[in-house]
Amino acid sequence: MTIGDLRRPDVCEPVFEARGEITDGLARLQLFGELDIAAIPLLEQEYDRIEEQGSTVIVLDLEGLEFIDAAGLGAILRAAQSARTNGQALRLVGAGPPVRKVFDLTGNTGLLAPSGENHV
């Protein structure tokens, strides 16, 4: 498992964290904190590392996300396109109300697993 995080200099807790792991051929990338424009490079780095492992299914676990902006949503949409291009399935699970609202408002709710579903 690898962990990458983005911290503000004045705060001990990470602003954004991505934890990627592969277990029994299933790739899971857990996201925590605030996914905004500053966090995108870290998300892309971790996603690329997980994607390169060749799993047919990649689970993007959004349960730990507290906030997502349009740039963060764009990064997830690019990840979904990349997965399709590579013949992989990207499953978005665990989106809480604030994150789900962004997907709803932008017409992307169909990408999310049903509310409360945190598994493949």
C-alpha atoms as a PDB file:
ATOM      1  CA  MET A   1       0.000   0.000   0.000  1.00  0.00           C
ATOM      2  CA  THR A   2       1.175   3.499  -0.710  1.00  0.00           C
ATOM      3  CA  ILE A   3      -0.064   6.683   0.819  1.00  0.00           C
ATOM      4  CA  GLY A   4       0.306  10.120  -0.594  1.00  0.00           C
ATOM      5  CA  ASP A   5      -0.933  13.236   1.071  1.00  0.00           C
ATOM      6  CA  LEU A   6      -1.092  16.970   0.619  1.00  0.00           C
ATOM      7  CA  ARG A   7      -0.616  19.096   3.737  1.00  0.00           C
ATOM      8  CA  ARG A   8      -0.922  22.774   4.396  1.00  0.00           C
ATOM      9  CA  PRO A   9       2.171  24.092   6.210  1.00  0.00           C
ATOM     10  CA  ASP A  10       0.112  25.420   9.115  1.00  0.00           C
ATOM     11  CA  VAL A  11      -1.968  22.265   9.637  1.00  0.00           C
ATOM     12  CA  CYS A  12      -0.834  18.877  10.921  1.00  0.00           C
ATOM     13  CA  GLU A  13      -3.683  16.932   9.330  1.00  0.00           C
ATOM     14  CA  PRO A  14      -3.499  16.297   5.580  1.00  0.00           C
ATOM     15  CA  VAL A  15      -5.829  18.346   3.398  1.00  0.00           C
ATOM     16  CA  PHE A  16      -6.014  15.470   0.896  1.00  0.00           C
ATOM     17  CA  GLU A  17      -4.814  11.908   1.093  1.00  0.00           C
ATOM     18  CA  ALA A  18      -4.894   9.018  -1.388  1.00  0.00           C
ATOM     19  CA  ARG A  19      -4.261   5.427  -0.310  1.00  0.00           C
ATOM     20  CA  GLY A  20      -3.863   2.827  -3.010  1.00  0.00           C
ATOM     21  CA  GLU A  21      -3.665  -0.921  -2.594  1.00  0.00           C
ATOM     22  CA  ILE A  22      -4.178  -4.086  -4.570  1.00  0.00           C
ATOM     23  CA  THR A  23      -5.613  -7.117  -2.810  1.00  0.00           C
ATOM     24  CA  ASP A  24      -6.395 -10.376  -4.587  1.00  0.00           C
ATOM     25  CA  GLY A  25      -6.208  -8.612  -7.954  1.00  0.00           C
ATOM     26  CA  LEU A  26      -8.644  -5.862  -6.965  1.00  0.00           C
ATOM     27  CA  ALA A  27      -7.309  -2.323  -7.050  1.00  0.00           C
ATOM     28  CA  ARG A  28      -8.702   0.131  -4.493  1.00  0.00           C
ATOM     29  CA  LEU A  29      -7.878   3.802  -4.197  1.00  0.00           C
ATOM     30  CA  GLN A  30      -9.282   5.496  -1.094  1.00  0.00           C
ATOM     31  CA  LEU A  31      -9.598   9.276  -1.066  1.00  0.00           C
ATOM     32  CA  PHE A  32      -9.733  11.423   2.068  1.00  0.00           C
ATOM     33  CA  GLY A  33     -10.199  15.130   2.723  1.00  0.00           C
ATOM     34  CA  GLU A  34     -10.629  17.801   0.069  1.00  0.00           C
ATOM     35  CA  LEU A  35     -10.297  16.970  -3.618  1.00  0.00           C
ATOM     36  CA  ASP A  36      -9.679  20.311  -5.271  1.00  0.00           C
ATOM     37  CA  ILE A  37      -7.319  21.664  -7.913  1.00  0.00           C
ATOM     38  CA  ALA A  38      -4.329  21.513  -5.538  1.00  0.00           C
ATOM     39  CA  ALA A  39      -4.889  17.794  -4.880  1.00  0.00           C
ATOM     40  CA  ILE A  40      -5.234  16.685  -8.498  1.00  0.00           C
ATOM     41  CA  PRO A  41      -1.535  15.915  -9.115  1.00  0.00           C
ATOM     42  CA  LEU A  42      -1.504  13.592  -6.112  1.00  0.00           C
ATOM     43  CA  LEU A  43      -4.743  11.883  -7.191  1.00  0.00           C
ATOM     44  CA  GLU A  44      -3.419  11.421 -10.729  1.00  0.00           C
ATOM     45  CA  GLN A  45      -0.107  10.035  -9.487  1.00  0.00           C
ATOM     46  CA  GLU A  46      -1.791   7.461  -7.243  1.00  0.00           C
ATOM     47  CA  TYR A  47      -4.434   6.608  -9.846  1.00  0.00           C
ATOM     48  CA  ASP A  48      -1.814   6.057 -12.548  1.00  0.00           C
ATOM     49  CA  ARG A  49       0.172   3.794 -10.228  1.00  0.00           C
ATOM     50  CA  ILE A  50      -2.904   1.703  -9.424  1.00  0.00           C
ATOM     51  CA  GLU A  51      -4.097   1.628 -13.038  1.00  0.00           C
ATOM     52  CA  GLU A  52      -0.721   0.337 -14.248  1.00  0.00           C
ATOM     53  CA  GLN A  53      -1.064  -2.753 -12.056  1.00  0.00           C
ATOM     54  CA  GLY A  54      -3.466  -4.173 -14.653  1.00  0.00           C
ATOM     55  CA  SER A  55      -6.520  -4.913 -12.510  1.00  0.00           C
ATOM     56  CA  THR A  56      -9.716  -5.230 -14.522  1.00  0.00           C
ATOM     57  CA  VAL A  57     -11.653  -3.379 -11.804  1.00  0.00           C
ATOM     58  CA  ILE A  58     -10.488  -0.268  -9.985  1.00  0.00           C
ATOM     59  CA  VAL A  59     -12.532   0.850  -6.991  1.00  0.00           C
ATOM     60  CA  LEU A  60     -12.360   4.541  -6.217  1.00  0.00           C
ATOM     61  CA  ASP A  61     -13.558   4.831  -2.617  1.00  0.00           C
ATOM     62  CA  LEU A  62     -14.961   8.311  -1.977  1.00  0.00           C
ATOM     63  CA  GLU A  63     -16.220   7.674   1.561  1.00  0.00           C
ATOM     64  CA  GLY A  64     -13.457   9.758   3.150  1.00  0.00           C
ATOM     65  CA  LEU A  65     -13.948  12.762   0.861  1.00  0.00           C
ATOM     66  CA  GLU A  66     -15.375  15.766   2.637  1.00  0.00           C
ATOM     67  CA  PHE A  67     -15.284  18.119  -0.346  1.00  0.00           C
ATOM     68  CA  ILE A  68     -14.910  17.984  -4.109  1.00  0.00           C
ATOM     69  CA  ASP A  69     -14.865  20.889  -6.541  1.00  0.00           C
ATOM     70  CA  ALA A  70     -15.278  21.028 -10.314  1.00  0.00           C
ATOM     71  CA  ALA A  71     -11.567  20.409 -10.885  1.00  0.00           C
ATOM     72  CA  GLY A  72     -11.672  17.322  -8.649  1.00  0.00           C
ATOM     73  CA  LEU A  73     -14.732  16.042 -10.485  1.00  0.00           C
ATOM     74  CA  GLY A  74     -12.929  16.615 -13.781  1.00  0.00           C
ATOM     75  CA  ALA A  75     -10.006  14.500 -12.574  1.00  0.00           C
ATOM     76  CA  ILE A  76     -12.368  11.652 -11.665  1.00  0.00           C
ATOM     77  CA  LEU A  77     -14.090  11.912 -15.052  1.00  0.00           C
ATOM     78  CA  ARG A  78     -10.679  11.703 -16.761  1.00  0.00           C
ATOM     79  CA  ALA A  79      -9.861   8.618 -14.658  1.00  0.00           C
ATOM     80  CA  ALA A  80     -13.144   7.012 -15.752  1.00  0.00           C
ATOM     81  CA  GLN A  81     -12.315   7.722 -19.402  1.00  0.00           C
ATOM     82  CA  SER A  82      -8.806   6.325 -18.958  1.00  0.00           C
ATOM     83  CA  ALA A  83     -10.213   3.153 -17.409  1.00  0.00           C
ATOM     84  CA  ARG A  84     -12.641   2.694 -20.325  1.00  0.00           C
ATOM     85  CA  THR A  85      -9.829   3.250 -22.831  1.00  0.00           C
ATOM     86  CA  ASN A  86      -7.711   0.609 -21.070  1.00  0.00           C
ATOM     87  CA  GLY A  87     -10.528  -1.934 -20.851  1.00  0.00           C
ATOM     88  CA  GLN A  88     -10.880  -1.518 -17.100  1.00  0.00           C
ATOM     89  CA  ALA A  89     -13.959  -0.792 -15.018  1.00  0.00           C
ATOM     90  CA  LEU A  90     -13.857   2.107 -12.569  1.00  0.00           C
ATOM     91  CA  ARG A  91     -16.333   1.791  -9.689  1.00  0.00           C
ATOM     92  CA  LEU A  92     -17.039   4.871  -7.585  1.00  0.00           C
ATOM     93  CA  VAL A  93     -18.275   3.858  -4.144  1.00  0.00           C
ATOM     94  CA  GLY A  94     -18.990   5.463  -0.784  1.00  0.00           C
ATOM     95  CA  ALA A  95     -19.863   8.992  -1.915  1.00  0.00           C
ATOM     96  CA  GLY A  96     -21.342  10.925   0.994  1.00  0.00           C
ATOM     97  CA  PRO A  97     -23.982  13.662   0.605  1.00  0.00           C
ATOM     98  CA  PRO A  98     -21.615  16.598  -0.157  1.00  0.00           C
ATOM     99  CA  VAL A  99     -19.753  14.623  -2.831  1.00  0.00           C
ATOM    100  CA  ARG A 100     -22.920  13.037  -4.240  1.00  0.00           C
ATOM    101  CA  LYS A 101     -24.439  16.522  -4.588  1.00  0.00           C
ATOM    102  CA  VAL A 102     -21.630  17.620  -6.935  1.00  0.00           C
ATOM    103  CA  PHE A 103     -22.200  14.534  -9.081  1.00  0.00           C
ATOM    104  CA  ASP A 104     -25.977  15.198  -9.030  1.00  0.00           C
ATOM    105  CA  LEU A 105     -25.647  18.868  -9.983  1.00  0.00           C
ATOM    106  CA  THR A 106     -23.374  18.052 -12.920  1.00  0.00           C
ATOM    107  CA  GLY A 107     -25.453  15.163 -14.269  1.00  0.00           C
ATOM    108  CA  ASN A 108     -22.855  12.535 -13.360  1.00  0.00           C
ATOM    109  CA  THR A 109     -24.805  10.582 -10.727  1.00  0.00           C
ATOM    110  CA  GLY A 110     -24.819   7.532 -12.994  1.00  0.00           C
ATOM    111  CA  LEU A 111     -21.106   7.042 -12.322  1.00  0.00           C
ATOM    112  CA  LEU A 112     -21.709   6.479  -8.593  1.00  0.00           C
ATOM    113  CA  ALA A 113     -22.588   3.179  -6.984  1.00  0.00           C
ATOM    114  CA  PRO A 114     -25.940   3.292  -5.182  1.00  0.00           C
ATOM    115  CA  SER A 115     -25.871   5.227  -1.912  1.00  0.00           C
ATOM    116  CA  GLY A 116     -24.353   3.225   0.924  1.00  0.00           C
ATOM    117  CA  GLU A 117     -22.584   0.732  -1.345  1.00  0.00           C
ATOM    118  CA  ASN A 118     -18.926   0.477  -0.355  1.00  0.00           C
ATOM    119  CA  HIS A 119     -17.925  -2.719  -2.119  1.00  0.00           C
ATOM    120  CA  VAL A 120     -17.594  -4.038  -5.642  1.00  0.00           C
END
